[in-house]
Amino acid sequence: MAAAEWPGAAAGRTAPAAEHARNRLHTTYARITPRNDTQRAFLTGSLASLRELNRARTERLLKARSNIGPPPSLWMAPF
Protein backbone atom coordinates (compact mmCIF):
# COMPACT_ATOMS: atom_id res chain seq x y z
CA MET A 1 0.00 0.00 0.00
CA ALA A 2 2.90 2.36 0.75
CA ALA A 3 4.23 2.24 -2.82
CA ALA A 4 0.77 2.92 -4.25
CA GLU A 5 0.21 5.81 -1.88
CA TRP A 6 3.58 7.56 -2.42
CA PRO A 7 2.83 9.46 -5.68
CA GLY A 8 -0.39 10.96 -4.33
CA ALA A 9 1.21 11.70 -0.98
CA ALA A 10 3.76 13.90 -2.72
CA ALA A 11 0.81 16.04 -3.82
CA GLY A 12 -0.75 15.99 -0.33
CA ARG A 13 -3.28 13.24 -1.03
CA THR A 14 -3.80 9.90 0.69
CA ALA A 15 -5.05 6.69 -0.87
CA PRO A 16 -8.71 6.09 0.00
CA ALA A 17 -8.05 2.34 0.19
CA ALA A 18 -5.31 2.91 2.78
CA GLU A 19 -7.54 5.21 4.82
CA HIS A 20 -10.37 2.67 4.67
CA ALA A 21 -8.08 -0.19 5.74
CA ARG A 22 -6.72 1.85 8.65
CA ASN A 23 -10.22 2.80 9.77
CA ARG A 24 -11.35 -0.84 9.61
CA LEU A 25 -8.41 -1.85 11.79
CA HIS A 26 -9.27 0.76 14.40
CA THR A 27 -12.93 -0.28 14.37
CA THR A 28 -11.99 -3.93 14.79
CA TYR A 29 -9.65 -3.19 17.69
CA ALA A 30 -12.34 -1.11 19.40
CA ARG A 31 -14.65 -4.14 19.40
CA ILE A 32 -12.17 -6.49 21.08
CA THR A 33 -12.82 -7.40 24.69
CA PRO A 34 -10.02 -9.55 26.10
CA ARG A 35 -11.20 -12.33 28.41
CA ASN A 36 -8.00 -13.08 30.29
CA ASP A 37 -4.50 -11.77 31.01
CA THR A 38 -2.99 -13.52 28.00
CA GLN A 39 -5.46 -11.90 25.65
CA ARG A 40 -4.97 -8.51 27.37
CA ALA A 41 -1.21 -8.80 26.94
CA PHE A 42 -1.58 -9.76 23.29
CA LEU A 43 -4.00 -6.88 22.69
CA THR A 44 -1.66 -4.42 24.40
CA GLY A 45 1.25 -5.50 22.18
CA SER A 46 -0.91 -5.48 19.10
CA LEU A 47 -2.21 -1.98 19.85
CA ALA A 48 1.39 -0.78 20.27
CA SER A 49 2.15 -2.20 16.81
CA LEU A 50 -0.91 -0.44 15.38
CA ARG A 51 0.24 2.88 16.88
CA GLU A 52 3.69 2.32 15.35
CA LEU A 53 2.10 1.54 11.98
CA ASN A 54 0.13 4.80 12.16
CA ARG A 55 3.22 6.76 13.19
CA ALA A 56 5.29 5.28 10.36
CA ARG A 57 2.57 6.01 7.81
CA THR A 58 2.24 9.61 8.99
CA GLU A 59 6.00 10.04 8.79
CA ARG A 60 6.08 8.50 5.30
CA LEU A 61 3.29 10.80 4.09
CA LEU A 62 5.05 13.86 5.47
CA LYS A 63 8.32 12.84 3.84
CA ALA A 64 6.56 12.28 0.52
CA ARG A 65 5.33 15.87 0.58
CA SER A 66 8.85 17.19 0.96
CA ASN A 67 10.59 14.51 -1.09
CA ILE A 68 13.71 15.76 -2.82
CA GLY A 69 15.02 12.33 -3.74
CA PRO A 70 16.97 9.69 -1.86
CA PRO A 71 18.69 10.66 1.38
CA PRO A 72 22.32 11.80 1.11
CA SER A 73 23.55 8.53 2.58
CA LEU A 74 22.25 6.71 -0.51
CA TRP A 75 23.91 9.14 -2.90
CA MET A 76 27.25 8.32 -1.31
CA ALA A 77 26.78 4.54 -1.17
CA PRO A 78 29.18 2.68 -3.46
CA PHE A 79 27.61 0.46 -6.12
PDB file of N, CA and C in Angstrom:
ATOM      1  N   MET A   1       0.824  -1.186   0.000  1.00  0.00           N
ATOM      2  CA  MET A   1       0.000   0.000   0.000  1.00  0.00           C
ATOM      3  C   MET A   1       0.872   1.254   0.000  1.00  0.00           C
ATOM      4  N   ALA A   2       2.032   1.186   0.662  1.00  0.00           N
ATOM      5  CA  ALA A   2       2.895   2.364   0.750  1.00  0.00           C
ATOM      6  C   ALA A   2       3.350   2.816  -0.630  1.00  0.00           C
ATOM      7  N   ALA A   3       3.754   1.876  -1.480  1.00  0.00           N
ATOM      8  CA  ALA A   3       4.231   2.240  -2.815  1.00  0.00           C
ATOM      9  C   ALA A   3       3.112   2.871  -3.639  1.00  0.00           C
ATOM     10  N   ALA A   4       1.908   2.366  -3.500  1.00  0.00           N
ATOM     11  CA  ALA A   4       0.771   2.916  -4.246  1.00  0.00           C
ATOM     12  C   ALA A   4       0.393   4.300  -3.745  1.00  0.00           C
ATOM     13  N   GLU A   5       0.623   4.549  -2.479  1.00  0.00           N
ATOM     14  CA  GLU A   5       0.214   5.815  -1.881  1.00  0.00           C
ATOM     15  C   GLU A   5       1.246   6.927  -2.093  1.00  0.00           C
ATOM     16  N   TRP A   6       2.496   6.578  -2.343  1.00  0.00           N
ATOM     17  CA  TRP A   6       3.577   7.555  -2.416  1.00  0.00           C
ATOM     18  C   TRP A   6       3.346   8.663  -3.446  1.00  0.00           C
ATOM     19  N   PRO A   7       3.000   8.366  -4.702  1.00  0.00           N
ATOM     20  CA  PRO A   7       2.829   9.459  -5.682  1.00  0.00           C
ATOM     21  C   PRO A   7       1.774  10.481  -5.267  1.00  0.00           C
ATOM     22  N   GLY A   8       0.647  10.024  -4.771  1.00  0.00           N
ATOM     23  CA  GLY A   8      -0.391  10.956  -4.331  1.00  0.00           C
ATOM     24  C   GLY A   8       0.022  11.721  -3.098  1.00  0.00           C
ATOM     25  N   ALA A   9       0.769  11.062  -2.217  1.00  0.00           N
ATOM     26  CA  ALA A   9       1.214  11.702  -0.979  1.00  0.00           C
ATOM     27  C   ALA A   9       2.115  12.888  -1.285  1.00  0.00           C
ATOM     28  N   ALA A  10       2.890  12.788  -2.340  1.00  0.00           N
ATOM     29  CA  ALA A  10       3.762  13.898  -2.720  1.00  0.00           C
ATOM     30  C   ALA A  10       2.948  15.142  -3.068  1.00  0.00           C
ATOM     31  N   ALA A  11       1.699  14.927  -3.487  1.00  0.00           N
ATOM     32  CA  ALA A  11       0.809  16.043  -3.820  1.00  0.00           C
ATOM     33  C   ALA A  11      -0.150  16.349  -2.667  1.00  0.00           C
ATOM     34  N   GLY A  12       0.081  15.723  -1.501  1.00  0.00           N
ATOM     35  CA  GLY A  12      -0.750  15.995  -0.333  1.00  0.00           C
ATOM     36  C   GLY A  12      -2.009  15.159  -0.248  1.00  0.00           C
ATOM     37  N   ARG A  13      -2.096  14.098  -1.059  1.00  0.00           N
ATOM     38  CA  ARG A  13      -3.283  13.235  -1.028  1.00  0.00           C
ATOM     39  C   ARG A  13      -2.942  11.899  -0.387  1.00  0.00           C
ATOM     40  N   THR A  14      -3.966  11.256   0.172  1.00  0.00           N
ATOM     41  CA  THR A  14      -3.801   9.903   0.692  1.00  0.00           C
ATOM     42  C   THR A  14      -4.637   8.960  -0.156  1.00  0.00           C
ATOM     43  N   ALA A  15      -4.305   7.695  -0.110  1.00  0.00           N
ATOM     44  CA  ALA A  15      -5.050   6.694  -0.867  1.00  0.00           C
ATOM     45  C   ALA A  15      -6.309   6.320  -0.085  1.00  0.00           C
ATOM     46  N   PRO A  16      -7.479   6.460  -0.695  1.00  0.00           N
ATOM     47  CA  PRO A  16      -8.711   6.093   0.004  1.00  0.00           C
ATOM     48  C   PRO A  16      -8.699   4.650   0.515  1.00  0.00           C
ATOM     49  N   ALA A  17      -8.105   3.739  -0.238  1.00  0.00           N
ATOM     50  CA  ALA A  17      -8.054   2.337   0.194  1.00  0.00           C
ATOM     51  C   ALA A  17      -7.230   2.200   1.471  1.00  0.00           C
ATOM     52  N   ALA A  18      -6.151   2.961   1.573  1.00  0.00           N
ATOM     53  CA  ALA A  18      -5.308   2.913   2.777  1.00  0.00           C
ATOM     54  C   ALA A  18      -6.061   3.503   3.972  1.00  0.00           C
ATOM     55  N   GLU A  19      -6.753   4.594   3.747  1.00  0.00           N
ATOM     56  CA  GLU A  19      -7.543   5.207   4.819  1.00  0.00           C
ATOM     57  C   GLU A  19      -8.632   4.247   5.290  1.00  0.00           C
ATOM     58  N   HIS A  20      -9.296   3.606   4.345  1.00  0.00           N
ATOM     59  CA  HIS A  20     -10.367   2.671   4.674  1.00  0.00           C
ATOM     60  C   HIS A  20      -9.820   1.481   5.462  1.00  0.00           C
ATOM     61  N   ALA A  21      -8.698   0.943   5.047  1.00  0.00           N
ATOM     62  CA  ALA A  21      -8.083  -0.193   5.745  1.00  0.00           C
ATOM     63  C   ALA A  21      -7.693   0.210   7.170  1.00  0.00           C
ATOM     64  N   ARG A  22      -7.115   1.371   7.320  1.00  0.00           N
ATOM     65  CA  ARG A  22      -6.716   1.849   8.650  1.00  0.00           C
ATOM     66  C   ARG A  22      -7.939   2.030   9.542  1.00  0.00           C
ATOM     67  N   ASN A  23      -8.987   2.603   8.999  1.00  0.00           N
ATOM     68  CA  ASN A  23     -10.220   2.799   9.774  1.00  0.00           C
ATOM     69  C   ASN A  23     -10.850   1.470  10.177  1.00  0.00           C
ATOM     70  N   ARG A  24     -10.814   0.492   9.275  1.00  0.00           N
ATOM     71  CA  ARG A  24     -11.351  -0.835   9.610  1.00  0.00           C
ATOM     72  C   ARG A  24     -10.564  -1.469  10.743  1.00  0.00           C
ATOM     73  N   LEU A  25      -9.240  -1.315  10.712  1.00  0.00           N
ATOM     74  CA  LEU A  25      -8.409  -1.851  11.792  1.00  0.00           C
ATOM     75  C   LEU A  25      -8.781  -1.224  13.132  1.00  0.00           C
ATOM     76  N   HIS A  26      -8.916   0.080  13.154  1.00  0.00           N
ATOM     77  CA  HIS A  26      -9.265   0.761  14.400  1.00  0.00           C
ATOM     78  C   HIS A  26     -10.645   0.325  14.899  1.00  0.00           C
ATOM     79  N   THR A  27     -11.586   0.176  13.992  1.00  0.00           N
ATOM     80  CA  THR A  27     -12.930  -0.277  14.365  1.00  0.00           C
ATOM     81  C   THR A  27     -12.879  -1.691  14.941  1.00  0.00           C
ATOM     82  N   THR A  28     -12.116  -2.554  14.315  1.00  0.00           N
ATOM     83  CA  THR A  28     -11.991  -3.929  14.794  1.00  0.00           C
ATOM     84  C   THR A  28     -11.368  -3.967  16.174  1.00  0.00           C
ATOM     85  N   TYR A  29     -10.297  -3.224  16.371  1.00  0.00           N
ATOM     86  CA  TYR A  29      -9.648  -3.189  17.692  1.00  0.00           C
ATOM     87  C   TYR A  29     -10.588  -2.658  18.765  1.00  0.00           C
ATOM     88  N   ALA A  30     -11.417  -1.691  18.428  1.00  0.00           N
ATOM     89  CA  ALA A  30     -12.336  -1.109  19.401  1.00  0.00           C
ATOM     90  C   ALA A  30     -13.380  -2.122  19.873  1.00  0.00           C
ATOM     91  N   ARG A  31     -13.640  -3.126  19.059  1.00  0.00           N
ATOM     92  CA  ARG A  31     -14.648  -4.139  19.402  1.00  0.00           C
ATOM     93  C   ARG A  31     -14.084  -5.296  20.230  1.00  0.00           C
ATOM     94  N   ILE A  32     -12.795  -5.364  20.381  1.00  0.00           N
ATOM     95  CA  ILE A  32     -12.173  -6.490  21.077  1.00  0.00           C
ATOM     96  C   ILE A  32     -12.294  -6.322  22.591  1.00  0.00           C
ATOM     97  N   THR A  33     -12.748  -7.366  23.227  1.00  0.00           N
ATOM     98  CA  THR A  33     -12.820  -7.402  24.688  1.00  0.00           C
ATOM     99  C   THR A  33     -12.028  -8.618  25.156  1.00  0.00           C
ATOM    100  N   PRO A  34     -10.812  -8.404  25.648  1.00  0.00           N
ATOM    101  CA  PRO A  34     -10.016  -9.545  26.101  1.00  0.00           C
ATOM    102  C   PRO A  34     -10.667 -10.228  27.296  1.00  0.00           C
ATOM    103  N   ARG A  35     -10.543 -11.552  27.354  1.00  0.00           N
ATOM    104  CA  ARG A  35     -11.196 -12.326  28.410  1.00  0.00           C
ATOM    105  C   ARG A  35     -10.252 -12.780  29.512  1.00  0.00           C
ATOM    106  N   ASN A  36      -8.950 -12.653  29.261  1.00  0.00           N
ATOM    107  CA  ASN A  36      -7.997 -13.079  30.294  1.00  0.00           C
ATOM    108  C   ASN A  36      -6.700 -12.284  30.130  1.00  0.00           C
ATOM    109  N   ASP A  37      -5.763 -12.521  31.031  1.00  0.00           N
ATOM    110  CA  ASP A  37      -4.500 -11.768  31.012  1.00  0.00           C
ATOM    111  C   ASP A  37      -3.695 -12.015  29.741  1.00  0.00           C
ATOM    112  N   THR A  38      -3.729 -13.217  29.235  1.00  0.00           N
ATOM    113  CA  THR A  38      -2.992 -13.524  28.003  1.00  0.00           C
ATOM    114  C   THR A  38      -3.545 -12.715  26.841  1.00  0.00           C
ATOM    115  N   GLN A  39      -4.847 -12.677  26.724  1.00  0.00           N
ATOM    116  CA  GLN A  39      -5.461 -11.897  25.649  1.00  0.00           C
ATOM    117  C   GLN A  39      -5.221 -10.404  25.840  1.00  0.00           C
ATOM    118  N   ARG A  40      -5.256  -9.932  27.094  1.00  0.00           N
ATOM    119  CA  ARG A  40      -4.972  -8.513  27.374  1.00  0.00           C
ATOM    120  C   ARG A  40      -3.545  -8.163  26.959  1.00  0.00           C
ATOM    121  N   ALA A  41      -2.610  -9.046  27.292  1.00  0.00           N
ATOM    122  CA  ALA A  41      -1.205  -8.804  26.936  1.00  0.00           C
ATOM    123  C   ALA A  41      -1.030  -8.784  25.421  1.00  0.00           C
ATOM    124  N   PHE A  42      -1.672  -9.726  24.741  1.00  0.00           N
ATOM    125  CA  PHE A  42      -1.578  -9.762  23.286  1.00  0.00           C
ATOM    126  C   PHE A  42      -2.184  -8.492  22.681  1.00  0.00           C
ATOM    127  N   LEU A  43      -3.338  -8.078  23.195  1.00  0.00           N
ATOM    128  CA  LEU A  43      -3.997  -6.880  22.686  1.00  0.00           C
ATOM    129  C   LEU A  43      -3.133  -5.645  22.927  1.00  0.00           C
ATOM    130  N   THR A  44      -2.527  -5.562  24.088  1.00  0.00           N
ATOM    131  CA  THR A  44      -1.659  -4.421  24.396  1.00  0.00           C
ATOM    132  C   THR A  44      -0.502  -4.340  23.401  1.00  0.00           C
ATOM    133  N   GLY A  45       0.146  -5.474  23.147  1.00  0.00           N
ATOM    134  CA  GLY A  45       1.250  -5.497  22.185  1.00  0.00           C
ATOM    135  C   GLY A  45       0.778  -5.185  20.776  1.00  0.00           C
ATOM    136  N   SER A  46      -0.370  -5.710  20.427  1.00  0.00           N
ATOM    137  CA  SER A  46      -0.911  -5.481  19.096  1.00  0.00           C
ATOM    138  C   SER A  46      -1.296  -4.014  18.899  1.00  0.00           C
ATOM    139  N   LEU A  47      -1.871  -3.411  19.931  1.00  0.00           N
ATOM    140  CA  LEU A  47      -2.209  -1.977  19.847  1.00  0.00           C
ATOM    141  C   LEU A  47      -0.953  -1.118  19.713  1.00  0.00           C
ATOM    142  N   ALA A  48       0.119  -1.516  20.400  1.00  0.00           N
ATOM    143  CA  ALA A  48       1.385  -0.780  20.266  1.00  0.00           C
ATOM    144  C   ALA A  48       1.885  -0.870  18.820  1.00  0.00           C
ATOM    145  N   SER A  49       1.745  -2.028  18.208  1.00  0.00           N
ATOM    146  CA  SER A  49       2.149  -2.196  16.807  1.00  0.00           C
ATOM    147  C   SER A  49       1.283  -1.341  15.892  1.00  0.00           C
ATOM    148  N   LEU A  50      -0.008  -1.267  16.188  1.00  0.00           N
ATOM    149  CA  LEU A  50      -0.908  -0.443  15.380  1.00  0.00           C
ATOM    150  C   LEU A  50      -0.537   1.035  15.496  1.00  0.00           C
ATOM    151  N   ARG A  51      -0.202   1.481  16.698  1.00  0.00           N
ATOM    152  CA  ARG A  51       0.240   2.876  16.876  1.00  0.00           C
ATOM    153  C   ARG A  51       1.528   3.139  16.085  1.00  0.00           C
ATOM    154  N   GLU A  52       2.433   2.179  16.102  1.00  0.00           N
ATOM    155  CA  GLU A  52       3.691   2.317  15.349  1.00  0.00           C
ATOM    156  C   GLU A  52       3.413   2.360  13.847  1.00  0.00           C
ATOM    157  N   LEU A  53       2.492   1.542  13.392  1.00  0.00           N
ATOM    158  CA  LEU A  53       2.104   1.544  11.983  1.00  0.00           C
ATOM    159  C   LEU A  53       1.556   2.916  11.593  1.00  0.00           C
ATOM    160  N   ASN A  54       0.690   3.467  12.428  1.00  0.00           N
ATOM    161  CA  ASN A  54       0.129   4.799  12.155  1.00  0.00           C
ATOM    162  C   ASN A  54       1.210   5.868  12.158  1.00  0.00           C
ATOM    163  N   ARG A  55       2.127   5.787  13.117  1.00  0.00           N
ATOM    164  CA  ARG A  55       3.218   6.762  13.190  1.00  0.00           C
ATOM    165  C   ARG A  55       4.099   6.685  11.947  1.00  0.00           C
ATOM    166  N   ALA A  56       4.434   5.463  11.533  1.00  0.00           N
ATOM    167  CA  ALA A  56       5.290   5.279  10.358  1.00  0.00           C
ATOM    168  C   ALA A  56       4.595   5.789   9.096  1.00  0.00           C
ATOM    169  N   ARG A  57       3.301   5.543   8.983  1.00  0.00           N
ATOM    170  CA  ARG A  57       2.570   6.014   7.811  1.00  0.00           C
ATOM    171  C   ARG A  57       2.537   7.537   7.785  1.00  0.00           C
ATOM    172  N   THR A  58       2.259   8.142   8.923  1.00  0.00           N
ATOM    173  CA  THR A  58       2.238   9.605   8.990  1.00  0.00           C
ATOM    174  C   THR A  58       3.597  10.172   8.598  1.00  0.00           C
ATOM    175  N   GLU A  59       4.645   9.583   9.122  1.00  0.00           N
ATOM    176  CA  GLU A  59       6.002  10.042   8.787  1.00  0.00           C
ATOM    177  C   GLU A  59       6.273   9.881   7.298  1.00  0.00           C
ATOM    178  N   ARG A  60       5.870   8.744   6.728  1.00  0.00           N
ATOM    179  CA  ARG A  60       6.084   8.501   5.303  1.00  0.00           C
ATOM    180  C   ARG A  60       5.330   9.526   4.464  1.00  0.00           C
ATOM    181  N   LEU A  61       4.079   9.826   4.851  1.00  0.00           N
ATOM    182  CA  LEU A  61       3.292  10.796   4.090  1.00  0.00           C
ATOM    183  C   LEU A  61       3.905  12.189   4.162  1.00  0.00           C
ATOM    184  N   LEU A  62       4.398  12.558   5.331  1.00  0.00           N
ATOM    185  CA  LEU A  62       5.053  13.861   5.467  1.00  0.00           C
ATOM    186  C   LEU A  62       6.332  13.935   4.645  1.00  0.00           C
ATOM    187  N   LYS A  63       7.098  12.855   4.641  1.00  0.00           N
ATOM    188  CA  LYS A  63       8.324  12.836   3.836  1.00  0.00           C
ATOM    189  C   LYS A  63       8.010  12.903   2.352  1.00  0.00           C
ATOM    190  N   ALA A  64       6.933  12.253   1.941  1.00  0.00           N
ATOM    191  CA  ALA A  64       6.565  12.275   0.523  1.00  0.00           C
ATOM    192  C   ALA A  64       6.258  13.690   0.057  1.00  0.00           C
ATOM    193  N   ARG A  65       5.673  14.485   0.943  1.00  0.00           N
ATOM    194  CA  ARG A  65       5.329  15.868   0.576  1.00  0.00           C
ATOM    195  C   ARG A  65       6.550  16.744   0.396  1.00  0.00           C
ATOM    196  N   SER A  66       7.630  16.383   1.065  1.00  0.00           N
ATOM    197  CA  SER A  66       8.845  17.190   0.955  1.00  0.00           C
ATOM    198  C   SER A  66       9.975  16.397   0.300  1.00  0.00           C
ATOM    199  N   ASN A  67       9.612  15.395  -0.469  1.00  0.00           N
ATOM    200  CA  ASN A  67      10.595  14.512  -1.085  1.00  0.00           C
ATOM    201  C   ASN A  67      11.474  15.264  -2.088  1.00  0.00           C
ATOM    202  N   ILE A  68      12.763  15.168  -1.873  1.00  0.00           N
ATOM    203  CA  ILE A  68      13.711  15.763  -2.823  1.00  0.00           C
ATOM    204  C   ILE A  68      14.648  14.688  -3.350  1.00  0.00           C
ATOM    205  N   GLY A  69      14.210  13.437  -3.259  1.00  0.00           N
ATOM    206  CA  GLY A  69      15.024  12.334  -3.737  1.00  0.00           C
ATOM    207  C   GLY A  69      15.553  11.511  -2.582  1.00  0.00           C
ATOM    208  N   PRO A  70      16.412  10.562  -2.901  1.00  0.00           N
ATOM    209  CA  PRO A  70      16.968   9.689  -1.865  1.00  0.00           C
ATOM    210  C   PRO A  70      17.781  10.489  -0.845  1.00  0.00           C
ATOM    211  N   PRO A  71      17.887   9.969   0.378  1.00  0.00           N
ATOM    212  CA  PRO A  71      18.688  10.659   1.382  1.00  0.00           C
ATOM    213  C   PRO A  71      20.159  10.692   0.970  1.00  0.00           C
ATOM    214  N   PRO A  72      20.906  11.665   1.477  1.00  0.00           N
ATOM    215  CA  PRO A  72      22.317  11.805   1.105  1.00  0.00           C
ATOM    216  C   PRO A  72      23.118  10.525   1.319  1.00  0.00           C
ATOM    217  N   SER A  73      22.789   9.747   2.329  1.00  0.00           N
ATOM    218  CA  SER A  73      23.551   8.529   2.579  1.00  0.00           C
ATOM    219  C   SER A  73      23.461   7.563   1.399  1.00  0.00           C
ATOM    220  N   LEU A  74      22.361   7.572   0.651  1.00  0.00           N
ATOM    221  CA  LEU A  74      22.247   6.706  -0.511  1.00  0.00           C
ATOM    222  C   LEU A  74      23.025   7.244  -1.706  1.00  0.00           C
ATOM    223  N   TRP A  75      23.135   8.559  -1.799  1.00  0.00           N
ATOM    224  CA  TRP A  75      23.909   9.137  -2.897  1.00  0.00           C
ATOM    225  C   TRP A  75      25.382   8.766  -2.765  1.00  0.00           C
ATOM    226  N   MET A  76      25.848   8.606  -1.535  1.00  0.00           N
ATOM    227  CA  MET A  76      27.254   8.322  -1.312  1.00  0.00           C
ATOM    228  C   MET A  76      27.566   6.827  -1.229  1.00  0.00           C
ATOM    229  N   ALA A  77      26.548   5.997  -1.279  1.00  0.00           N
ATOM    230  CA  ALA A  77      26.777   4.544  -1.167  1.00  0.00           C
ATOM    231  C   ALA A  77      27.451   4.031  -2.452  1.00  0.00           C
ATOM    232  N   PRO A  78      28.508   3.234  -2.293  1.00  0.00           N
ATOM    233  CA  PRO A  78      29.179   2.676  -3.464  1.00  0.00           C
ATOM    234  C   PRO A  78      28.310   1.589  -4.103  1.00  0.00           C
ATOM    235  N   PHE A  79      28.391   1.483  -5.393  1.00  0.00           N
ATOM    236  CA  PHE A  79      27.615   0.463  -6.118  1.00  0.00           C
ATOM    237  C   PHE A  79      28.496  -0.658  -6.542  1.00  0.00           C
TER     238      PHE A  79
END
